């Protein structure tokens, strides 16, 4: 969670001002930590996600029961690169691929006995520094982290909420001002024979324009995600430019034929069945089919509850 260390206010002239919070100490973070813990546990109890006894136990844990607030990292509003680094760090994935290794190599992953080794950044509560998992165990743990469908992963509150009245003015703070395109005035000449003309009329003041949303080039967005510059020539390393977008089919086909490239998309392959038959799963029962399934060695009560009779 990221928060502003102050509040915004609107002056009578429509100007936005930021009032920075001062004299913040570690005692404020500890108080906020306890408040966050109580409110989150109370919300979990109301929604039935946590039992009353478990919530009471977590309130008695040390270190705020799994909740921690760190107020030591502070980024100035004009430091846009620092803000981006902090946001990217908070939104990082739960799994680091450089710490995941196949014990017997990549070729052995097709075997049901394949094992994966994941090195932990820090020892866990049991003191383990490594986890040995099967591919299915890894998928099971990752599936728990997949958010439900149609659920927002990022939420904004206060003046940063989507429909807040002051949001367009607040988010404009810290952006680089783009110089307006104005007609350049002719420079005065040094010719003594030139006759000075009448002074030009004063230019009318330009109306104030509302701040526009920042726009980032699509190439920069791809470079941030995949860490590859799409407009970088792989041959010479120079910057490539988009000259035109061709959508006329005959023109596109003629260019592909000239470059000796296929002019038709590859055919779609028919759907294949599930690959269970290719896996070496032994489904032979451990008992004789003629004797029937053995009786379990524990009692299982199949009687209906008394409340069902009503």
C-alpha atoms as a PDB file:
ATOM      1  CA  UNK A   1       0.000   0.000   0.000  1.00  0.00           C
ATOM      2  CA  UNK A   2       1.281   3.462  -0.926  1.00  0.00           C
ATOM      3  CA  UNK A   3       0.033   6.611   0.785  1.00  0.00           C
ATOM      4  CA  UNK A   4       0.750  10.318   0.591  1.00  0.00           C
ATOM      5  CA  UNK A   5       2.461  11.784   3.654  1.00  0.00           C
ATOM      6  CA  UNK A   6       0.068  14.732   3.784  1.00  0.00           C
ATOM      7  CA  UNK A   7      -3.250  16.088   2.556  1.00  0.00           C
ATOM      8  CA  UNK A   8      -4.384  18.148  -0.441  1.00  0.00           C
ATOM      9  CA  UNK A   9      -6.561  21.231  -0.272  1.00  0.00           C
ATOM     10  CA  UNK A  10      -8.123  23.492  -2.861  1.00  0.00           C
ATOM     11  CA  UNK A  11      -7.678  27.245  -2.540  1.00  0.00           C
ATOM     12  CA  UNK A  12     -10.335  29.779  -3.445  1.00  0.00           C
ATOM     13  CA  UNK A  13      -8.469  30.419  -6.708  1.00  0.00           C
ATOM     14  CA  UNK A  14      -8.754  26.766  -7.708  1.00  0.00           C
ATOM     15  CA  UNK A  15      -5.104  26.030  -7.010  1.00  0.00           C
ATOM     16  CA  UNK A  16      -4.183  22.738  -5.402  1.00  0.00           C
ATOM     17  CA  UNK A  17      -1.897  22.809  -2.393  1.00  0.00           C
ATOM     18  CA  UNK A  18      -0.199  19.933  -0.615  1.00  0.00           C
ATOM     19  CA  UNK A  19       0.260  20.087   3.157  1.00  0.00           C
ATOM     20  CA  UNK A  20       3.073  17.782   4.196  1.00  0.00           C
ATOM     21  CA  UNK A  21       2.806  15.848   7.446  1.00  0.00           C
ATOM     22  CA  UNK A  22       5.689  16.616   9.769  1.00  0.00           C
ATOM     23  CA  UNK A  23       7.050  15.242  13.038  1.00  0.00           C
ATOM     24  CA  UNK A  24       6.208  11.638  12.146  1.00  0.00           C
ATOM     25  CA  UNK A  25       7.941   9.107  14.388  1.00  0.00           C
ATOM     26  CA  UNK A  26       8.049   5.347  14.770  1.00  0.00           C
ATOM     27  CA  UNK A  27       5.277   5.572  17.373  1.00  0.00           C
ATOM     28  CA  UNK A  28       2.880   6.731  14.661  1.00  0.00           C
ATOM     29  CA  UNK A  29       3.761   3.704  12.513  1.00  0.00           C
ATOM     30  CA  UNK A  30       3.185   1.314  15.418  1.00  0.00           C
ATOM     31  CA  UNK A  31      -0.202   2.897  16.125  1.00  0.00           C
ATOM     32  CA  UNK A  32      -1.168   2.654  12.449  1.00  0.00           C
ATOM     33  CA  UNK A  33       0.027  -0.960  12.438  1.00  0.00           C
ATOM     34  CA  UNK A  34      -2.270  -1.894  15.338  1.00  0.00           C
ATOM     35  CA  UNK A  35      -5.205  -0.043  13.772  1.00  0.00           C
ATOM     36  CA  UNK A  36      -4.717  -1.835  10.454  1.00  0.00           C
ATOM     37  CA  UNK A  37      -4.526  -5.195  12.214  1.00  0.00           C
ATOM     38  CA  UNK A  38      -7.773  -4.677  14.153  1.00  0.00           C
ATOM     39  CA  UNK A  39      -9.728  -3.416  11.157  1.00  0.00           C
ATOM     40  CA  UNK A  40      -8.581  -6.183   8.794  1.00  0.00           C
ATOM     41  CA  UNK A  41      -9.317  -8.943  11.305  1.00  0.00           C
ATOM     42  CA  UNK A  42     -12.706  -7.412  12.066  1.00  0.00           C
ATOM     43  CA  UNK A  43     -13.547  -7.353   8.342  1.00  0.00           C
ATOM     44  CA  UNK A  44     -12.490 -10.995   8.003  1.00  0.00           C
ATOM     45  CA  UNK A  45     -14.741 -11.990  10.918  1.00  0.00           C
ATOM     46  CA  UNK A  46     -17.734 -10.169   9.432  1.00  0.00           C
ATOM     47  CA  UNK A  47     -17.297 -11.909   6.086  1.00  0.00           C
ATOM     48  CA  UNK A  48     -16.870 -15.327   7.657  1.00  0.00           C
ATOM     49  CA  UNK A  49     -13.277 -15.708   6.463  1.00  0.00           C
ATOM     50  CA  UNK A  50     -11.859 -16.067   9.960  1.00  0.00           C
ATOM     51  CA  UNK A  51     -13.196 -17.605  13.139  1.00  0.00           C
ATOM     52  CA  UNK A  52     -13.575 -15.558  16.302  1.00  0.00           C
ATOM     53  CA  UNK A  53     -11.003 -17.597  18.218  1.00  0.00           C
ATOM     54  CA  UNK A  54      -8.409 -17.414  15.467  1.00  0.00           C
ATOM     55  CA  UNK A  55      -8.817 -13.633  15.222  1.00  0.00           C
ATOM     56  CA  UNK A  56      -8.389 -13.293  18.988  1.00  0.00           C
ATOM     57  CA  UNK A  57      -5.212 -15.369  18.849  1.00  0.00           C
ATOM     58  CA  UNK A  58      -3.765 -13.220  16.061  1.00  0.00           C
ATOM     59  CA  UNK A  59      -4.418 -10.092  18.112  1.00  0.00           C
ATOM     60  CA  UNK A  60      -2.130 -11.543  20.790  1.00  0.00           C
ATOM     61  CA  UNK A  61       0.720 -12.405  18.443  1.00  0.00           C
ATOM     62  CA  UNK A  62       3.976 -10.534  18.520  1.00  0.00           C
ATOM     63  CA  UNK A  63       4.952  -8.139  15.716  1.00  0.00           C
ATOM     64  CA  UNK A  64       1.271  -7.222  15.181  1.00  0.00           C
ATOM     65  CA  UNK A  65       0.214 -10.698  14.084  1.00  0.00           C
ATOM     66  CA  UNK A  66       1.573 -10.711  10.544  1.00  0.00           C
ATOM     67  CA  UNK A  67       0.945  -7.005   9.844  1.00  0.00           C
ATOM     68  CA  UNK A  68       3.781  -4.556   9.400  1.00  0.00           C
ATOM     69  CA  UNK A  69       3.934  -0.902   8.366  1.00  0.00           C
ATOM     70  CA  UNK A  70       7.222   0.519   7.123  1.00  0.00           C
ATOM     71  CA  UNK A  71       7.344   4.299   6.860  1.00  0.00           C
ATOM     72  CA  UNK A  72      11.070   4.615   6.223  1.00  0.00           C
ATOM     73  CA  UNK A  73      10.795   4.755   2.419  1.00  0.00           C
ATOM     74  CA  UNK A  74       9.822   8.210   1.194  1.00  0.00           C
ATOM     75  CA  UNK A  75       9.851   9.462  -2.380  1.00  0.00           C
ATOM     76  CA  UNK A  76       9.506  13.095  -3.397  1.00  0.00           C
ATOM     77  CA  UNK A  77       6.662  13.999  -5.717  1.00  0.00           C
ATOM     78  CA  UNK A  78       8.963  15.248  -8.492  1.00  0.00           C
ATOM     79  CA  UNK A  79      11.032  12.030  -8.440  1.00  0.00           C
ATOM     80  CA  UNK A  80       8.945  10.164 -11.027  1.00  0.00           C
ATOM     81  CA  UNK A  81      11.628   7.508 -11.569  1.00  0.00           C
ATOM     82  CA  UNK A  82      11.720   6.811  -7.829  1.00  0.00           C
ATOM     83  CA  UNK A  83       7.931   6.539  -7.674  1.00  0.00           C
ATOM     84  CA  UNK A  84       7.961   4.083 -10.570  1.00  0.00           C
ATOM     85  CA  UNK A  85      10.652   1.934  -8.929  1.00  0.00           C
ATOM     86  CA  UNK A  86       8.684   1.818  -5.684  1.00  0.00           C
ATOM     87  CA  UNK A  87       5.430   0.902  -7.441  1.00  0.00           C
ATOM     88  CA  UNK A  88       7.142  -1.795  -9.506  1.00  0.00           C
ATOM     89  CA  UNK A  89       8.658  -3.235  -6.334  1.00  0.00           C
ATOM     90  CA  UNK A  90       5.240  -3.382  -4.635  1.00  0.00           C
ATOM     91  CA  UNK A  91       3.666  -4.996  -7.717  1.00  0.00           C
ATOM     92  CA  UNK A  92       6.419  -7.584  -8.228  1.00  0.00           C
ATOM     93  CA  UNK A  93       5.445 -11.205  -8.771  1.00  0.00           C
ATOM     94  CA  UNK A  94       5.391 -13.722  -5.909  1.00  0.00           C
ATOM     95  CA  UNK A  95       7.784 -16.098  -7.697  1.00  0.00           C
ATOM     96  CA  UNK A  96      11.336 -15.352  -8.847  1.00  0.00           C
ATOM     97  CA  UNK A  97      12.235 -17.529 -11.830  1.00  0.00           C
ATOM     98  CA  UNK A  98      15.973 -17.247 -11.170  1.00  0.00           C
ATOM     99  CA  UNK A  99      15.442 -19.128  -7.888  1.00  0.00           C
ATOM    100  CA  UNK A 100      13.522 -22.003  -9.479  1.00  0.00           C
ATOM    101  CA  UNK A 101      15.556 -24.955 -10.741  1.00  0.00           C
ATOM    102  CA  UNK A 102      14.812 -28.448 -12.022  1.00  0.00           C
ATOM    103  CA  UNK A 103      16.776 -30.952  -9.948  1.00  0.00           C
ATOM    104  CA  UNK A 104      17.246 -33.485 -12.754  1.00  0.00           C
ATOM    105  CA  UNK A 105      17.242 -31.007 -15.648  1.00  0.00           C
ATOM    106  CA  UNK A 106      14.564 -29.710 -17.983  1.00  0.00           C
ATOM    107  CA  UNK A 107      14.209 -33.029 -19.822  1.00  0.00           C
ATOM    108  CA  UNK A 108      13.152 -34.832 -16.632  1.00  0.00           C
ATOM    109  CA  UNK A 109      10.111 -32.589 -16.017  1.00  0.00           C
ATOM    110  CA  UNK A 110       7.902 -34.897 -18.109  1.00  0.00           C
ATOM    111  CA  UNK A 111       8.329 -37.653 -15.537  1.00  0.00           C
ATOM    112  CA  UNK A 112       5.801 -37.973 -12.671  1.00  0.00           C
ATOM    113  CA  UNK A 113       8.760 -38.204 -10.274  1.00  0.00           C
ATOM    114  CA  UNK A 114      10.169 -34.822 -11.384  1.00  0.00           C
ATOM    115  CA  UNK A 115      11.105 -32.428  -8.608  1.00  0.00           C
ATOM    116  CA  UNK A 116      11.671 -28.673  -8.564  1.00  0.00           C
ATOM    117  CA  UNK A 117      13.945 -26.784  -6.204  1.00  0.00           C
ATOM    118  CA  UNK A 118      13.030 -23.260  -5.125  1.00  0.00           C
ATOM    119  CA  UNK A 119      15.558 -21.280  -3.083  1.00  0.00           C
ATOM    120  CA  UNK A 120      14.018 -18.920  -0.540  1.00  0.00           C
ATOM    121  CA  UNK A 121      15.309 -15.384  -0.176  1.00  0.00           C
ATOM    122  CA  UNK A 122      15.225 -15.733   3.626  1.00  0.00           C
ATOM    123  CA  UNK A 123      14.715 -18.737   5.933  1.00  0.00           C
ATOM    124  CA  UNK A 124      11.081 -19.419   6.787  1.00  0.00           C
ATOM    125  CA  UNK A 125       9.661 -20.063  10.259  1.00  0.00           C
ATOM    126  CA  UNK A 126      10.918 -23.668  10.153  1.00  0.00           C
ATOM    127  CA  UNK A 127      14.414 -22.532   9.190  1.00  0.00           C
ATOM    128  CA  UNK A 128      14.187 -23.908   5.644  1.00  0.00           C
ATOM    129  CA  UNK A 129      16.103 -22.191   2.884  1.00  0.00           C
ATOM    130  CA  UNK A 130      14.896 -24.415   0.026  1.00  0.00           C
ATOM    131  CA  UNK A 131      11.616 -26.007  -1.030  1.00  0.00           C
ATOM    132  CA  UNK A 132      11.433 -29.262  -2.995  1.00  0.00           C
ATOM    133  CA  UNK A 133       8.146 -29.457  -4.905  1.00  0.00           C
ATOM    134  CA  UNK A 134       6.661 -31.500  -7.688  1.00  0.00           C
ATOM    135  CA  UNK A 135       5.366 -29.579 -10.738  1.00  0.00           C
ATOM    136  CA  UNK A 136       1.769 -30.164  -9.603  1.00  0.00           C
ATOM    137  CA  UNK A 137       2.543 -28.901  -6.105  1.00  0.00           C
ATOM    138  CA  UNK A 138       4.029 -25.751  -7.597  1.00  0.00           C
ATOM    139  CA  UNK A 139       0.958 -25.177  -9.761  1.00  0.00           C
ATOM    140  CA  UNK A 140      -1.288 -25.732  -6.756  1.00  0.00           C
ATOM    141  CA  UNK A 141       0.520 -23.067  -4.765  1.00  0.00           C
ATOM    142  CA  UNK A 142       0.495 -20.629  -7.669  1.00  0.00           C
ATOM    143  CA  UNK A 143      -3.225 -21.214  -8.253  1.00  0.00           C
ATOM    144  CA  UNK A 144      -3.950 -19.905  -4.756  1.00  0.00           C
ATOM    145  CA  UNK A 145      -2.434 -16.554  -5.743  1.00  0.00           C
ATOM    146  CA  UNK A 146      -4.582 -16.100  -8.867  1.00  0.00           C
ATOM    147  CA  UNK A 147      -7.128 -13.343  -8.121  1.00  0.00           C
ATOM    148  CA  UNK A 148     -10.815 -14.061  -8.731  1.00  0.00           C
ATOM    149  CA  UNK A 149     -12.254 -12.923 -12.065  1.00  0.00           C
ATOM    150  CA  UNK A 150     -13.578  -9.385 -12.405  1.00  0.00           C
ATOM    151  CA  UNK A 151     -11.780  -8.257  -9.247  1.00  0.00           C
ATOM    152  CA  UNK A 152      -9.625  -5.134  -9.283  1.00  0.00           C
ATOM    153  CA  UNK A 153      -6.080  -5.724  -8.102  1.00  0.00           C
ATOM    154  CA  UNK A 154      -5.342  -2.030  -7.603  1.00  0.00           C
ATOM    155  CA  UNK A 155      -7.624   0.373  -5.761  1.00  0.00           C
ATOM    156  CA  UNK A 156      -7.327   4.121  -5.260  1.00  0.00           C
ATOM    157  CA  UNK A 157      -8.879   6.044  -2.376  1.00  0.00           C
ATOM    158  CA  UNK A 158      -9.292   9.652  -1.321  1.00  0.00           C
ATOM    159  CA  UNK A 159      -8.280  12.286  -3.856  1.00  0.00           C
ATOM    160  CA  UNK A 160      -6.775   9.520  -6.021  1.00  0.00           C
ATOM    161  CA  UNK A 161     -10.104   7.712  -6.410  1.00  0.00           C
ATOM    162  CA  UNK A 162     -11.304   7.436 -10.039  1.00  0.00           C
ATOM    163  CA  UNK A 163     -14.300   9.782  -9.543  1.00  0.00           C
ATOM    164  CA  UNK A 164     -12.716  12.211  -7.075  1.00  0.00           C
ATOM    165  CA  UNK A 165     -13.295  15.825  -8.035  1.00  0.00           C
ATOM    166  CA  UNK A 166      -9.699  16.873  -7.370  1.00  0.00           C
ATOM    167  CA  UNK A 167      -8.043  13.864  -8.996  1.00  0.00           C
ATOM    168  CA  UNK A 168      -7.262  15.544 -12.400  1.00  0.00           C
ATOM    169  CA  UNK A 169      -5.511  18.398 -10.597  1.00  0.00           C
ATOM    170  CA  UNK A 170      -3.709  16.223  -8.063  1.00  0.00           C
ATOM    171  CA  UNK A 171      -2.227  13.752 -10.537  1.00  0.00           C
ATOM    172  CA  UNK A 172      -0.958  16.662 -12.656  1.00  0.00           C
ATOM    173  CA  UNK A 173       1.439  17.662  -9.874  1.00  0.00           C
ATOM    174  CA  UNK A 174       4.971  16.569 -10.638  1.00  0.00           C
ATOM    175  CA  UNK A 175       4.544  16.162 -14.389  1.00  0.00           C
ATOM    176  CA  UNK A 176       6.886  17.823 -16.783  1.00  0.00           C
ATOM    177  CA  UNK A 177       5.300  20.843 -18.436  1.00  0.00           C
ATOM    178  CA  UNK A 178       5.254  20.591 -22.204  1.00  0.00           C
ATOM    179  CA  UNK A 179       6.068  23.955 -23.824  1.00  0.00           C
ATOM    180  CA  UNK A 180       3.196  25.280 -25.900  1.00  0.00           C
ATOM    181  CA  UNK A 181       3.705  25.663 -29.619  1.00  0.00           C
ATOM    182  CA  UNK A 182       3.733  29.350 -30.405  1.00  0.00           C
ATOM    183  CA  UNK A 183       4.729  31.204 -33.504  1.00  0.00           C
ATOM    184  CA  UNK A 184       8.274  32.484 -33.189  1.00  0.00           C
ATOM    185  CA  UNK A 185       8.607  36.205 -33.550  1.00  0.00           C
ATOM    186  CA  UNK A 186      11.071  37.451 -36.202  1.00  0.00           C
ATOM    187  CA  UNK A 187      14.344  38.608 -34.734  1.00  0.00           C
ATOM    188  CA  UNK A 188      15.172  42.294 -35.180  1.00  0.00           C
ATOM    189  CA  UNK A 189      17.444  42.978 -38.133  1.00  0.00           C
ATOM    190  CA  UNK A 190      20.705  44.893 -37.943  1.00  0.00           C
ATOM    191  CA  UNK A 191      20.147  46.628 -41.285  1.00  0.00           C
ATOM    192  CA  UNK A 192      20.207  50.408 -40.605  1.00  0.00           C
ATOM    193  CA  UNK A 193      18.131  51.096 -43.733  1.00  0.00           C
ATOM    194  CA  UNK A 194      15.238  49.037 -42.434  1.00  0.00           C
ATOM    195  CA  UNK A 195      12.276  51.163 -41.427  1.00  0.00           C
ATOM    196  CA  UNK A 196      10.729  50.037 -38.170  1.00  0.00           C
ATOM    197  CA  UNK A 197       7.076  49.259 -38.544  1.00  0.00           C
ATOM    198  CA  UNK A 198       4.305  49.704 -36.050  1.00  0.00           C
ATOM    199  CA  UNK A 199       4.582  47.541 -32.967  1.00  0.00           C
ATOM    200  CA  UNK A 200       2.552  44.332 -33.169  1.00  0.00           C
ATOM    201  CA  UNK A 201      -0.642  44.222 -31.150  1.00  0.00           C
ATOM    202  CA  UNK A 202      -0.351  42.449 -27.818  1.00  0.00           C
ATOM    203  CA  UNK A 203      -1.156  38.764 -28.028  1.00  0.00           C
ATOM    204  CA  UNK A 204      -4.359  37.678 -26.398  1.00  0.00           C
ATOM    205  CA  UNK A 205      -3.804  35.505 -23.348  1.00  0.00           C
ATOM    206  CA  UNK A 206      -4.320  31.842 -24.044  1.00  0.00           C
ATOM    207  CA  UNK A 207      -7.164  30.215 -22.132  1.00  0.00           C
ATOM    208  CA  UNK A 208      -6.117  27.835 -19.400  1.00  0.00           C
ATOM    209  CA  UNK A 209      -6.210  24.254 -20.546  1.00  0.00           C
ATOM    210  CA  UNK A 210      -7.060  21.425 -18.190  1.00  0.00           C
ATOM    211  CA  UNK A 211      -4.132  19.092 -17.544  1.00  0.00           C
ATOM    212  CA  UNK A 212      -4.192  16.164 -19.919  1.00  0.00           C
ATOM    213  CA  UNK A 213      -3.483  12.574 -18.954  1.00  0.00           C
ATOM    214  CA  UNK A 214       0.124  11.470 -19.411  1.00  0.00           C
ATOM    215  CA  UNK A 215       0.788   9.395 -22.480  1.00  0.00           C
ATOM    216  CA  UNK A 216       3.599   6.915 -22.784  1.00  0.00           C
ATOM    217  CA  UNK A 217       4.697   5.528 -26.121  1.00  0.00           C
ATOM    218  CA  UNK A 218       3.710   1.934 -26.727  1.00  0.00           C
ATOM    219  CA  UNK A 219       7.358   1.058 -27.356  1.00  0.00           C
ATOM    220  CA  UNK A 220       8.298   2.292 -23.889  1.00  0.00           C
ATOM    221  CA  UNK A 221       5.487   0.283 -22.313  1.00  0.00           C
ATOM    222  CA  UNK A 222       6.676  -2.885 -24.051  1.00  0.00           C
ATOM    223  CA  UNK A 223      10.235  -2.179 -22.977  1.00  0.00           C
ATOM    224  CA  UNK A 224       9.142  -1.834 -19.351  1.00  0.00           C
ATOM    225  CA  UNK A 225       7.282  -5.147 -19.387  1.00  0.00           C
ATOM    226  CA  UNK A 226       9.523  -7.363 -21.528  1.00  0.00           C
ATOM    227  CA  UNK A 227      12.780  -5.401 -21.089  1.00  0.00           C
ATOM    228  CA  UNK A 228      13.251  -5.392 -24.864  1.00  0.00           C
ATOM    229  CA  UNK A 229      13.208  -2.330 -27.091  1.00  0.00           C
ATOM    230  CA  UNK A 230      10.866  -3.152 -30.004  1.00  0.00           C
ATOM    231  CA  UNK A 231      12.116  -0.216 -32.116  1.00  0.00           C
ATOM    232  CA  UNK A 232      15.777  -1.191 -31.859  1.00  0.00           C
ATOM    233  CA  UNK A 233      17.223  -2.623 -35.072  1.00  0.00           C
ATOM    234  CA  UNK A 234      18.703  -6.094 -34.395  1.00  0.00           C
ATOM    235  CA  UNK A 235      21.248  -5.638 -37.209  1.00  0.00           C
ATOM    236  CA  UNK A 236      22.813  -2.218 -36.607  1.00  0.00           C
ATOM    237  CA  UNK A 237      21.391  -1.284 -33.210  1.00  0.00           C
ATOM    238  CA  UNK A 238      19.878   1.958 -34.507  1.00  0.00           C
ATOM    239  CA  UNK A 239      16.408   3.253 -33.763  1.00  0.00           C
ATOM    240  CA  UNK A 240      13.699   2.181 -36.200  1.00  0.00           C
ATOM    241  CA  UNK A 241      10.780   4.394 -37.194  1.00  0.00           C
ATOM    242  CA  UNK A 242       7.307   3.449 -38.329  1.00  0.00           C
ATOM    243  CA  UNK A 243       6.816   4.714 -41.877  1.00  0.00           C
ATOM    244  CA  UNK A 244       3.331   3.483 -42.652  1.00  0.00           C
ATOM    245  CA  UNK A 245       0.651   0.974 -41.729  1.00  0.00           C
ATOM    246  CA  UNK A 246      -0.328  -1.169 -44.721  1.00  0.00           C
ATOM    247  CA  UNK A 247      -3.800  -2.676 -44.611  1.00  0.00           C
ATOM    248  CA  UNK A 248      -4.546  -3.169 -48.331  1.00  0.00           C
ATOM    249  CA  UNK A 249      -4.388  -6.971 -48.927  1.00  0.00           C
ATOM    250  CA  UNK A 250      -2.971  -6.817 -52.517  1.00  0.00           C
ATOM    251  CA  UNK A 251      -0.218  -4.428 -51.423  1.00  0.00           C
ATOM    252  CA  UNK A 252       0.693  -6.556 -48.400  1.00  0.00           C
ATOM    253  CA  UNK A 253       0.728  -9.716 -50.528  1.00  0.00           C
ATOM    254  CA  UNK A 254       3.025  -8.119 -53.130  1.00  0.00           C
ATOM    255  CA  UNK A 255       5.500  -7.025 -50.457  1.00  0.00           C
ATOM    256  CA  UNK A 256       5.541 -10.473 -48.860  1.00  0.00           C
ATOM    257  CA  UNK A 257       6.153 -12.134 -52.196  1.00  0.00           C
ATOM    258  CA  UNK A 258       9.016  -9.729 -52.923  1.00  0.00           C
ATOM    259  CA  UNK A 259      10.613 -10.528 -49.553  1.00  0.00           C
ATOM    260  CA  UNK A 260      10.127 -14.253 -50.138  1.00  0.00           C
ATOM    261  CA  UNK A 261       7.878 -14.560 -47.085  1.00  0.00           C
ATOM    262  CA  UNK A 262       4.714 -16.662 -46.785  1.00  0.00           C
ATOM    263  CA  UNK A 263       1.657 -14.718 -47.840  1.00  0.00           C
ATOM    264  CA  UNK A 264      -0.857 -17.042 -46.204  1.00  0.00           C
ATOM    265  CA  UNK A 265      -1.199 -17.774 -42.480  1.00  0.00           C
ATOM    266  CA  UNK A 266      -0.304 -21.290 -41.380  1.00  0.00           C
ATOM    267  CA  UNK A 267      -3.209 -23.752 -41.322  1.00  0.00           C
ATOM    268  CA  UNK A 268      -4.874 -24.387 -38.013  1.00  0.00           C
ATOM    269  CA  UNK A 269      -4.143 -27.797 -36.560  1.00  0.00           C
ATOM    270  CA  UNK A 270      -7.122 -29.856 -35.377  1.00  0.00           C
ATOM    271  CA  UNK A 271      -7.743 -30.097 -31.672  1.00  0.00           C
ATOM    272  CA  UNK A 272      -6.063 -33.029 -29.969  1.00  0.00           C
ATOM    273  CA  UNK A 273      -7.248 -35.115 -27.080  1.00  0.00           C
ATOM    274  CA  UNK A 274      -5.942 -34.888 -23.537  1.00  0.00           C
ATOM    275  CA  UNK A 275      -2.441 -36.309 -23.099  1.00  0.00           C
ATOM    276  CA  UNK A 276      -3.320 -38.732 -20.291  1.00  0.00           C
ATOM    277  CA  UNK A 277      -2.506 -41.694 -22.535  1.00  0.00           C
ATOM    278  CA  UNK A 278       1.034 -40.400 -23.040  1.00  0.00           C
ATOM    279  CA  UNK A 279       1.753 -40.177 -19.313  1.00  0.00           C
ATOM    280  CA  UNK A 280       2.996 -43.195 -17.432  1.00  0.00           C
ATOM    281  CA  UNK A 281       0.246 -43.275 -14.806  1.00  0.00           C
ATOM    282  CA  UNK A 282      -0.243 -46.691 -13.188  1.00  0.00           C
ATOM    283  CA  UNK A 283      -3.953 -46.926 -12.357  1.00  0.00           C
ATOM    284  CA  UNK A 284      -3.940 -50.629 -11.476  1.00  0.00           C
ATOM    285  CA  UNK A 285      -5.987 -51.139  -8.272  1.00  0.00           C
ATOM    286  CA  UNK A 286      -4.220 -52.520  -5.225  1.00  0.00           C
ATOM    287  CA  UNK A 287      -6.933 -55.163  -4.664  1.00  0.00           C
ATOM    288  CA  UNK A 288      -8.444 -57.973  -6.726  1.00  0.00           C
ATOM    289  CA  UNK A 289     -11.461 -56.891  -8.740  1.00  0.00           C
ATOM    290  CA  UNK A 290     -13.219 -60.227  -8.127  1.00  0.00           C
ATOM    291  CA  UNK A 291     -13.049 -59.747  -4.344  1.00  0.00           C
ATOM    292  CA  UNK A 292     -14.430 -56.230  -4.436  1.00  0.00           C
ATOM    293  CA  UNK A 293     -13.100 -53.159  -2.742  1.00  0.00           C
ATOM    294  CA  UNK A 294     -11.938 -53.878   0.829  1.00  0.00           C
ATOM    295  CA  UNK A 295     -13.890 -52.495   3.773  1.00  0.00           C
ATOM    296  CA  UNK A 296     -12.148 -49.468   5.328  1.00  0.00           C
ATOM    297  CA  UNK A 297     -10.646 -49.959   8.749  1.00  0.00           C
ATOM    298  CA  UNK A 298     -12.459 -46.965  10.247  1.00  0.00           C
ATOM    299  CA  UNK A 299     -16.102 -46.298  11.090  1.00  0.00           C
ATOM    300  CA  UNK A 300     -18.069 -43.925   8.901  1.00  0.00           C
ATOM    301  CA  UNK A 301     -21.395 -42.636  10.196  1.00  0.00           C
ATOM    302  CA  UNK A 302     -23.843 -42.257   7.298  1.00  0.00           C
ATOM    303  CA  UNK A 303     -26.916 -41.491   9.390  1.00  0.00           C
ATOM    304  CA  UNK A 304     -28.805 -38.269   8.679  1.00  0.00           C
ATOM    305  CA  UNK A 305     -28.615 -35.374  11.125  1.00  0.00           C
ATOM    306  CA  UNK A 306     -31.619 -34.923  13.454  1.00  0.00           C
ATOM    307  CA  UNK A 307     -32.221 -31.449  12.075  1.00  0.00           C
ATOM    308  CA  UNK A 308     -33.098 -32.978   8.694  1.00  0.00           C
ATOM    309  CA  UNK A 309     -36.124 -34.774  10.146  1.00  0.00           C
ATOM    310  CA  UNK A 310     -37.789 -31.456  10.779  1.00  0.00           C
END
